Amino acid sequence: MSTMDVTDARFANLSLKSVVLLIFCCCTCLCFTRRDGNVTKGHPVIILPGDGGTQLWASLDKPSTVHYFCRQKEALFNLWLNVEELTPLTIDCFVDNARLVFNNVTKHTSDSPGVNVTTVNFGNTSSVEYLDPSHISLSKYFDGIVAALVAVGYQRGVSVRGAPYDFRKAPNEANVYFQNVTKLIEETYRINQNRKVVLLTHSMGGLYGLYYLNSQPQEWKDKFIQAYAPISAPWGGATKSIRVVVSGDNVGDVVVHASTVRKAQRTWPSIYYLMPSDKFWNPKEVIVETPKKNYTVADYQTLLKDINYEIGWEMRQAAMDQVYDLKAPGVPVYGIHGCDVPTEEHYVYDSSRPFPDYEPHITYGQGDGTVNMRSLKGYLKWQKEQQHPVSEFQIPGGEHVAILQNATLHKYLIKTILHL
């Protein structure tokens, strides 16, 4: 018997009025209460993850592969984060599947031929709690925050929800995504007894969140948004993104050479979107030093030409204006970030580490281990630019990603932002 047959049999003896009443009661119970029957207290939370901060899934029907052992046809499988894909042999398969193709006419990107990459479980938290669906510990992401919220009465998919996106791309390619975010916010508001929503973001998600809020009418924000809580946001970019573009980043996988992963990373507009802004770095301040030439924020076009990836400049131009001016969002802001963690700020290439194919010597400064301090504090200018409050909460030793597991952050979120 089909599902439709079962449903028909179940409701055969019920009047239309009874069916409508039953559906309403079931929906009301699901949407407004916890499983113990009590209404969730506090404002609902919607999570916007950061760069690399959501599971990416892919299906394949490729005309060819880079190696005979790479899959040519495959139903939906976990592309990121999948530890099995990040070994010395299979990494080439991952790179070919994860790379993007830039169209210099539309200024948008598409997946490589025969690859379809997507996110899953929009509106729930499963794809942002752990980056590997097997839940291995190294893939922990928002699980600590979600668990802390559940412990005080929140419910996954109802009062704490996720808005995953394709982090390879910059906001200028995310129009459909932002339309879905609007629907998610309005739905979350309704199913939580018309309580305003807290937009909780991490890293690049903070820039996505700012771009989104800047595009919304003030009347709409006043109705639906309780607060905006960006964690570890790179308001002015991060010098680390330059190293990724030039030499690549093996994400701590010591058995894989960074230049191998670079083949995919260079094709992602989000990397260029995160390059340091000239509003935060002096045009005379050297960031990359080589035996032949030095590079500052004023030299990106030359830098990209010198590494033989000029298309990167086009991606930078297409993406950089999205939040370049850091216009105030027009809602209460609770900025959260770490401090006192050594953070990359200057790179030197020499004969022992040739430019650009080897990882450089690195000089460190202040920040959270990924984002430089001047960038983390960039949003504080809003204190003079909007009537809504703008606060700062620093956590000493709060590393860029590990901060999400920090109990001090959890307490601040629950007590100060959610008012529980």
Protein backbone atom coordinates (compact mmCIF):
# COMPACT_ATOMS: atom_id res chain seq x y z
CA MET A 1 0.00 0.00 0.00
CA SER A 2 1.36 3.43 -0.91
CA THR A 3 1.74 6.35 1.47
CA MET A 4 -1.24 8.01 -0.21
CA ASP A 5 -3.33 4.88 0.31
CA VAL A 6 -2.48 4.80 4.01
CA THR A 7 -3.36 8.47 4.39
CA ASP A 8 -6.66 8.04 2.54
CA ALA A 9 -7.66 5.11 4.75
CA ARG A 10 -6.73 6.96 7.92
CA PHE A 11 -8.90 9.98 7.13
CA ALA A 12 -11.74 8.22 5.31
CA ASN A 13 -14.15 8.50 8.24
CA LEU A 14 -13.26 12.06 9.29
CA SER A 15 -15.17 15.14 8.23
CA LEU A 16 -13.31 17.95 6.46
CA LYS A 17 -13.73 20.14 9.55
CA SER A 18 -12.20 17.44 11.76
CA VAL A 19 -9.26 16.96 9.44
CA VAL A 20 -8.52 20.69 9.34
CA LEU A 21 -8.74 20.89 13.14
CA LEU A 22 -6.46 17.87 13.55
CA ILE A 23 -3.83 19.30 11.18
CA PHE A 24 -3.96 22.68 12.94
CA CYS A 25 -3.52 21.09 16.35
CA CYS A 26 -0.61 18.94 15.18
CA CYS A 27 1.14 21.90 13.56
CA THR A 28 0.59 24.06 16.61
CA CYS A 29 2.03 21.40 18.88
CA LEU A 30 5.04 20.91 16.62
CA CYS A 31 5.78 24.58 16.08
CA PHE A 32 5.19 26.23 19.41
CA THR A 33 6.16 23.68 22.03
CA ARG A 34 9.02 21.52 23.09
CA ARG A 35 8.57 17.82 23.39
CA ASP A 36 7.83 18.16 27.07
CA GLY A 37 4.86 20.38 26.18
CA ASN A 38 6.36 23.70 27.33
CA VAL A 39 6.78 26.71 25.08
CA THR A 40 10.41 27.46 24.22
CA LYS A 41 11.54 30.57 26.07
CA GLY A 42 13.75 33.26 24.58
CA HIS A 43 14.17 34.51 21.06
CA PRO A 44 14.62 31.97 18.27
CA VAL A 45 18.08 31.71 16.71
CA ILE A 46 19.09 31.35 13.06
CA ILE A 47 22.71 30.38 12.33
CA LEU A 48 24.71 31.63 9.33
CA PRO A 49 27.96 29.63 9.19
CA GLY A 50 31.37 30.79 7.97
CA ASP A 51 33.82 29.92 5.22
CA GLY A 52 34.15 26.12 5.22
CA GLY A 53 31.41 25.97 7.84
CA THR A 54 28.73 23.81 6.29
CA GLN A 55 28.52 20.39 4.73
CA LEU A 56 28.65 20.39 0.93
CA TRP A 57 27.14 17.45 -0.94
CA ALA A 58 27.67 16.56 -4.59
CA SER A 59 26.37 14.30 -7.32
CA LEU A 60 28.50 13.39 -10.34
CA ASP A 61 27.93 12.67 -14.02
CA LYS A 62 31.29 13.77 -15.38
CA PRO A 63 32.58 13.50 -18.94
CA SER A 64 36.00 12.48 -17.56
CA THR A 65 38.05 12.28 -14.37
CA VAL A 66 41.56 13.32 -13.39
CA HIS A 67 42.46 9.76 -12.31
CA TYR A 68 41.07 6.34 -13.13
CA PHE A 69 40.11 5.77 -9.50
CA CYS A 70 38.08 8.99 -9.22
CA ARG A 71 34.32 8.55 -9.41
CA GLN A 72 32.79 9.60 -12.72
CA LYS A 73 29.16 8.96 -11.82
CA GLU A 74 27.85 9.10 -8.27
CA ALA A 75 24.60 9.79 -6.48
CA LEU A 76 24.58 12.42 -3.72
CA PHE A 77 27.62 12.06 -1.45
CA ASN A 78 29.40 14.19 1.16
CA LEU A 79 32.04 16.35 -0.53
CA TRP A 80 32.98 18.62 2.39
CA LEU A 81 34.06 17.78 4.98
CA ASN A 82 34.92 14.22 4.01
CA VAL A 83 38.18 13.03 5.55
CA GLU A 84 38.37 10.14 3.08
CA GLU A 85 38.57 12.67 0.24
CA LEU A 86 41.60 14.41 1.76
CA THR A 87 44.26 11.73 1.35
CA PRO A 88 47.29 12.05 -0.98
CA LEU A 89 45.63 10.15 -3.82
CA THR A 90 41.98 11.08 -3.57
CA ILE A 91 42.73 14.75 -2.93
CA ASP A 92 43.00 15.24 -6.71
CA CYS A 93 39.46 13.89 -7.09
CA PHE A 94 38.24 16.31 -4.40
CA VAL A 95 39.98 19.27 -6.00
CA ASP A 96 38.45 18.55 -9.40
CA ASN A 97 34.98 18.15 -7.88
CA ALA A 98 35.23 21.22 -5.61
CA ARG A 99 36.64 23.69 -8.13
CA LEU A 100 34.46 26.38 -9.69
CA VAL A 101 34.42 27.83 -13.21
CA PHE A 102 34.21 31.63 -13.44
CA ASN A 103 32.25 33.30 -16.23
CA ASN A 104 33.85 36.68 -16.86
CA VAL A 105 30.70 37.92 -18.62
CA THR A 106 28.13 37.15 -15.92
CA LYS A 107 30.76 37.44 -13.15
CA HIS A 108 29.29 34.31 -11.60
CA THR A 109 30.70 30.83 -11.08
CA SER A 110 29.40 27.35 -11.78
CA ASP A 111 30.44 23.86 -10.74
CA SER A 112 32.94 22.03 -12.90
CA PRO A 113 31.41 20.01 -15.79
CA GLY A 114 29.30 17.09 -14.61
CA VAL A 115 29.37 18.15 -10.94
CA ASN A 116 26.39 19.40 -8.96
CA VAL A 117 27.21 20.72 -5.47
CA THR A 118 24.48 21.55 -3.00
CA THR A 119 23.80 22.14 0.69
CA VAL A 120 21.33 20.07 2.68
CA ASN A 121 18.84 20.44 5.53
CA PHE A 122 18.22 24.16 5.19
CA GLY A 123 16.32 25.27 8.29
CA ASN A 124 17.77 22.58 10.50
CA THR A 125 21.16 22.51 12.24
CA SER A 126 22.54 19.12 11.17
CA SER A 127 24.83 20.39 8.40
CA VAL A 128 26.38 23.13 10.56
CA GLU A 129 26.78 21.26 13.86
CA TYR A 130 29.29 18.79 12.39
CA LEU A 131 31.01 19.28 9.03
CA ASP A 132 31.46 15.53 8.56
CA PRO A 133 28.12 13.68 8.84
CA SER A 134 29.94 10.85 10.64
CA HIS A 135 30.37 13.32 13.55
CA ILE A 136 34.08 12.76 13.98
CA SER A 137 35.38 15.15 16.63
CA LEU A 138 37.64 17.19 14.33
CA SER A 139 34.56 18.22 12.33
CA LYS A 140 32.77 19.84 15.30
CA TYR A 141 31.41 23.24 14.42
CA PHE A 142 28.19 24.71 15.87
CA ASP A 143 27.39 21.60 17.90
CA GLY A 144 28.52 23.21 21.18
CA ILE A 145 26.28 26.24 20.79
CA VAL A 146 23.30 24.20 19.60
CA ALA A 147 23.72 21.75 22.50
CA ALA A 148 23.87 24.66 24.96
CA LEU A 149 20.65 26.09 23.53
CA VAL A 150 18.89 22.72 23.57
CA ALA A 151 19.89 22.35 27.23
CA VAL A 152 17.90 25.49 28.08
CA GLY A 153 14.83 24.48 26.10
CA TYR A 154 15.52 25.24 22.45
CA GLN A 155 14.50 22.76 19.78
CA ARG A 156 16.44 21.98 16.63
CA GLY A 157 14.57 22.97 13.50
CA VAL A 158 12.07 25.09 15.44
CA SER A 159 13.70 27.63 17.76
CA VAL A 160 17.32 27.09 16.68
CA ARG A 161 17.77 26.74 12.94
CA GLY A 162 20.55 26.72 10.37
CA ALA A 163 20.90 28.58 7.06
CA PRO A 164 23.75 26.75 5.27
CA TYR A 165 25.12 28.10 1.99
CA ASP A 166 27.82 27.32 -0.56
CA PHE A 167 30.77 28.97 1.17
CA ARG A 168 32.89 28.82 -1.98
CA LYS A 169 30.96 31.78 -3.33
CA ALA A 170 30.61 35.44 -2.35
CA PRO A 171 27.28 37.18 -1.56
CA ASN A 172 26.92 38.60 -5.09
CA GLU A 173 26.01 35.04 -6.20
CA ALA A 174 23.60 34.33 -3.35
CA ASN A 175 20.33 36.02 -4.35
CA VAL A 176 18.27 32.83 -4.15
CA TYR A 177 19.91 31.99 -0.84
CA PHE A 178 18.96 35.36 0.64
CA GLN A 179 15.38 34.94 -0.54
CA ASN A 180 15.30 31.65 1.35
CA VAL A 181 16.78 33.32 4.43
CA THR A 182 13.93 35.83 4.40
CA LYS A 183 11.38 33.04 4.24
CA LEU A 184 13.19 31.19 7.03
CA ILE A 185 13.25 34.25 9.31
CA GLU A 186 9.58 35.03 8.76
CA GLU A 187 8.58 31.39 9.28
CA THR A 188 10.72 31.12 12.42
CA TYR A 189 9.13 34.29 13.77
CA ARG A 190 5.63 32.85 13.22
CA ILE A 191 6.22 29.40 14.67
CA ASN A 192 7.78 30.87 17.80
CA GLN A 193 4.76 32.98 18.78
CA ASN A 194 5.89 36.05 16.83
CA ARG A 195 9.16 36.37 18.70
CA LYS A 196 11.85 38.31 16.90
CA VAL A 197 14.82 36.35 15.56
CA VAL A 198 18.48 36.52 16.64
CA LEU A 199 20.79 36.21 13.64
CA LEU A 200 23.86 34.34 14.92
CA THR A 201 26.80 34.21 12.50
CA HIS A 202 30.37 32.99 12.40
CA SER A 203 33.34 34.31 10.42
CA MET A 204 32.37 35.03 6.79
CA GLY A 205 28.76 34.43 7.79
CA GLY A 206 29.02 37.81 9.51
CA LEU A 207 29.67 39.47 6.16
CA TYR A 208 26.83 37.51 4.56
CA GLY A 209 24.62 38.62 7.43
CA LEU A 210 25.61 42.27 7.05
CA TYR A 211 25.03 42.18 3.29
CA TYR A 212 21.61 40.65 3.92
CA LEU A 213 20.56 43.12 6.63
CA ASN A 214 21.70 46.07 4.52
CA SER A 215 19.38 44.89 1.75
CA GLN A 216 16.29 44.71 3.97
CA PRO A 217 13.85 47.58 4.67
CA GLN A 218 14.13 49.06 8.16
CA GLU A 219 10.46 48.38 8.85
CA TRP A 220 11.02 44.68 8.13
CA LYS A 221 14.10 44.54 10.38
CA ASP A 222 12.22 46.27 13.20
CA LYS A 223 9.53 43.61 13.01
CA PHE A 224 11.57 40.43 12.60
CA ILE A 225 15.12 40.95 13.92
CA GLN A 226 15.82 41.02 17.65
CA ALA A 227 19.61 41.18 17.34
CA TYR A 228 22.56 40.44 15.14
CA ALA A 229 25.35 38.48 16.87
CA PRO A 230 28.42 38.07 14.64
CA ILE A 231 31.19 35.84 16.02
CA SER A 232 34.79 36.15 14.73
CA ALA A 233 33.76 38.23 11.71
CA PRO A 234 36.51 39.41 9.31
CA TRP A 235 35.06 42.87 8.72
CA GLY A 236 38.15 44.09 6.90
CA GLY A 237 39.29 40.70 5.60
CA ALA A 238 42.20 38.58 6.80
CA THR A 239 45.79 38.33 5.63
CA LYS A 240 45.50 34.54 5.69
CA SER A 241 43.32 34.70 2.57
CA ILE A 242 46.31 36.07 0.63
CA ARG A 243 48.42 33.08 1.62
CA VAL A 244 45.61 30.78 0.48
CA VAL A 245 45.44 32.50 -2.90
CA VAL A 246 49.23 32.53 -3.40
CA SER A 247 50.35 29.19 -1.96
CA GLY A 248 47.20 27.36 -0.89
CA ASP A 249 46.18 25.94 2.48
CA ASN A 250 46.15 22.25 3.31
CA VAL A 251 43.90 22.90 6.33
CA GLY A 252 46.35 21.16 8.64
CA ASP A 253 46.50 17.98 6.55
CA VAL A 254 50.28 17.43 6.65
CA VAL A 255 50.22 14.62 4.09
CA VAL A 256 48.78 16.90 1.38
CA HIS A 257 50.78 19.71 -0.21
CA ALA A 258 49.07 23.10 0.04
CA SER A 259 49.64 23.81 -3.65
CA THR A 260 47.51 20.78 -4.53
CA VAL A 261 44.46 22.12 -2.69
CA ARG A 262 45.20 25.57 -4.12
CA LYS A 263 43.95 24.39 -7.51
CA ALA A 264 40.42 24.43 -6.10
CA GLN A 265 40.80 27.23 -3.56
CA ARG A 266 41.92 29.75 -6.19
CA THR A 267 38.64 29.23 -8.06
CA TRP A 268 36.48 30.20 -5.06
CA PRO A 269 35.31 33.85 -5.09
CA SER A 270 34.96 33.82 -1.30
CA ILE A 271 38.76 33.77 -0.96
CA TYR A 272 39.09 37.03 -2.88
CA TYR A 273 36.15 38.47 -0.98
CA LEU A 274 38.11 37.95 2.25
CA MET A 275 41.36 39.60 1.13
CA PRO A 276 42.40 42.50 3.41
CA SER A 277 40.65 45.80 2.72
CA ASP A 278 42.48 49.04 2.06
CA LYS A 279 40.17 50.59 4.66
CA PHE A 280 42.06 48.60 7.30
CA TRP A 281 45.56 48.13 5.82
CA ASN A 282 47.80 50.98 4.74
CA PRO A 283 48.66 50.85 1.00
CA LYS A 284 52.32 51.13 1.99
CA GLU A 285 52.16 48.25 4.48
CA VAL A 286 53.92 45.20 2.98
CA ILE A 287 52.02 41.94 3.44
CA VAL A 288 53.87 39.69 0.99
CA GLU A 289 57.63 39.94 0.58
CA THR A 290 59.58 38.18 -2.17
CA PRO A 291 63.17 38.50 -3.46
CA LYS A 292 61.96 40.39 -6.54
CA LYS A 293 58.93 42.36 -5.35
CA ASN A 294 56.83 43.30 -2.32
CA TYR A 295 53.02 43.48 -2.30
CA THR A 296 50.52 45.57 -0.32
CA VAL A 297 46.71 45.91 -0.48
CA ALA A 298 47.31 48.28 -3.41
CA ASP A 299 49.02 45.54 -5.44
CA TYR A 300 46.42 42.79 -5.71
CA GLN A 301 46.07 43.00 -9.48
CA THR A 302 49.85 42.80 -9.89
CA LEU A 303 50.11 39.98 -7.36
CA LEU A 304 47.50 37.90 -9.13
CA LYS A 305 49.19 38.51 -12.47
CA ASP A 306 52.55 37.48 -11.04
CA ILE A 307 51.15 34.16 -9.77
CA ASN A 308 49.59 33.61 -13.20
CA TYR A 309 46.00 33.77 -11.98
CA GLU A 310 44.66 37.04 -13.35
CA ILE A 311 41.08 35.79 -13.32
CA GLY A 312 41.31 36.13 -9.54
CA TRP A 313 41.35 39.90 -9.98
CA GLU A 314 38.04 39.70 -11.84
CA MET A 315 36.55 37.65 -9.02
CA ARG A 316 37.86 40.17 -6.50
CA GLN A 317 36.31 43.06 -8.43
CA ALA A 318 32.95 41.27 -8.70
CA ALA A 319 32.79 40.49 -4.98
CA MET A 320 34.56 43.23 -3.06
CA ASP A 321 31.87 45.95 -3.17
CA GLN A 322 29.27 43.84 -1.36
CA VAL A 323 30.10 45.18 2.14
CA TYR A 324 33.18 47.28 1.38
CA ASP A 325 31.78 50.36 3.15
CA LEU A 326 30.57 48.35 6.20
CA LYS A 327 27.26 50.17 6.36
CA ALA A 328 25.63 49.82 9.80
CA PRO A 329 22.96 47.07 9.82
CA GLY A 330 20.23 49.02 11.62
CA VAL A 331 19.65 46.41 14.36
CA PRO A 332 21.15 45.78 17.81
CA VAL A 333 24.63 44.26 17.41
CA TYR A 334 26.41 41.93 19.85
CA GLY A 335 29.89 41.46 18.41
CA ILE A 336 31.88 38.53 19.79
CA HIS A 337 35.49 37.65 19.05
CA GLY A 338 38.65 36.16 20.52
CA CYS A 339 41.90 37.95 21.22
CA ASP A 340 45.49 37.26 22.29
CA VAL A 341 45.93 34.45 19.76
CA PRO A 342 48.97 34.70 17.41
CA THR A 343 47.61 35.52 13.95
CA GLU A 344 49.29 35.57 10.53
CA GLU A 345 50.02 39.07 9.26
CA HIS A 346 53.17 39.06 7.08
CA TYR A 347 54.66 36.55 4.62
CA VAL A 348 58.22 36.17 3.37
CA TYR A 349 59.24 34.00 0.41
CA ASP A 350 62.93 33.31 -0.17
CA SER A 351 65.24 30.72 -1.71
CA SER A 352 64.29 28.16 0.92
CA ARG A 353 60.58 28.74 0.34
CA PRO A 354 60.21 29.91 -3.25
CA PHE A 355 57.34 32.14 -4.34
CA PRO A 356 54.56 31.19 -4.97
CA ASP A 357 54.50 27.39 -4.77
CA TYR A 358 55.79 26.87 -1.25
CA GLU A 359 54.39 27.99 2.06
CA PRO A 360 56.14 31.18 3.23
CA HIS A 361 57.82 32.20 6.44
CA ILE A 362 55.08 33.76 8.57
CA THR A 363 55.21 36.68 10.99
CA TYR A 364 52.42 36.77 13.55
CA GLY A 365 50.51 39.59 15.21
CA GLN A 366 47.33 40.04 17.25
CA GLY A 367 44.01 38.42 16.41
CA ASP A 368 42.06 35.21 16.91
CA GLY A 369 44.39 32.88 15.03
CA THR A 370 42.73 33.51 11.66
CA VAL A 371 41.40 37.09 11.58
CA ASN A 372 43.63 40.05 12.43
CA MET A 373 42.57 42.19 15.39
CA ARG A 374 42.04 45.38 13.39
CA SER A 375 39.55 43.48 11.25
CA LEU A 376 37.74 41.83 14.18
CA LYS A 377 37.07 45.27 15.67
CA GLY A 378 36.01 46.90 12.40
CA TYR A 379 32.31 46.90 13.23
CA LEU A 380 32.77 49.14 16.28
CA LYS A 381 32.49 52.19 14.03
CA TRP A 382 28.74 51.49 14.01
CA GLN A 383 28.54 52.81 17.57
CA LYS A 384 28.56 56.28 15.99
CA GLU A 385 26.54 55.37 12.92
CA GLN A 386 23.30 53.88 14.23
CA GLN A 387 20.88 54.40 17.12
CA HIS A 388 20.71 50.70 17.96
CA PRO A 389 23.30 49.52 20.53
CA VAL A 390 26.58 48.03 19.35
CA SER A 391 28.55 46.07 21.95
CA GLU A 392 31.81 44.14 22.04
CA PHE A 393 32.51 40.91 23.92
CA GLN A 394 36.12 39.70 23.81
CA ILE A 395 37.23 36.26 24.93
CA PRO A 396 40.99 36.04 25.65
CA GLY A 397 42.45 32.98 23.93
CA GLY A 398 39.25 32.51 21.91
CA GLU A 399 40.57 30.90 18.73
CA HIS A 400 38.66 31.61 15.54
CA VAL A 401 36.76 28.30 15.35
CA ALA A 402 37.32 26.80 18.80
CA ILE A 403 35.55 29.81 20.31
CA LEU A 404 32.26 28.22 19.24
CA GLN A 405 32.81 25.52 21.90
CA ASN A 406 33.63 28.11 24.59
CA ALA A 407 31.39 27.95 27.68
CA THR A 408 31.88 31.67 28.31
CA LEU A 409 30.47 32.43 24.88
CA HIS A 410 27.53 30.07 25.49
CA LYS A 411 26.71 31.82 28.76
CA TYR A 412 26.94 35.26 27.14
CA LEU A 413 24.67 34.18 24.30
CA ILE A 414 22.04 32.72 26.63
CA LYS A 415 22.08 35.37 29.37
CA THR A 416 22.88 38.60 27.54
CA ILE A 417 21.63 38.16 23.99
CA LEU A 418 18.72 35.78 24.48
CA HIS A 419 17.82 37.16 27.95
CA LEU A 420 17.22 33.75 29.57
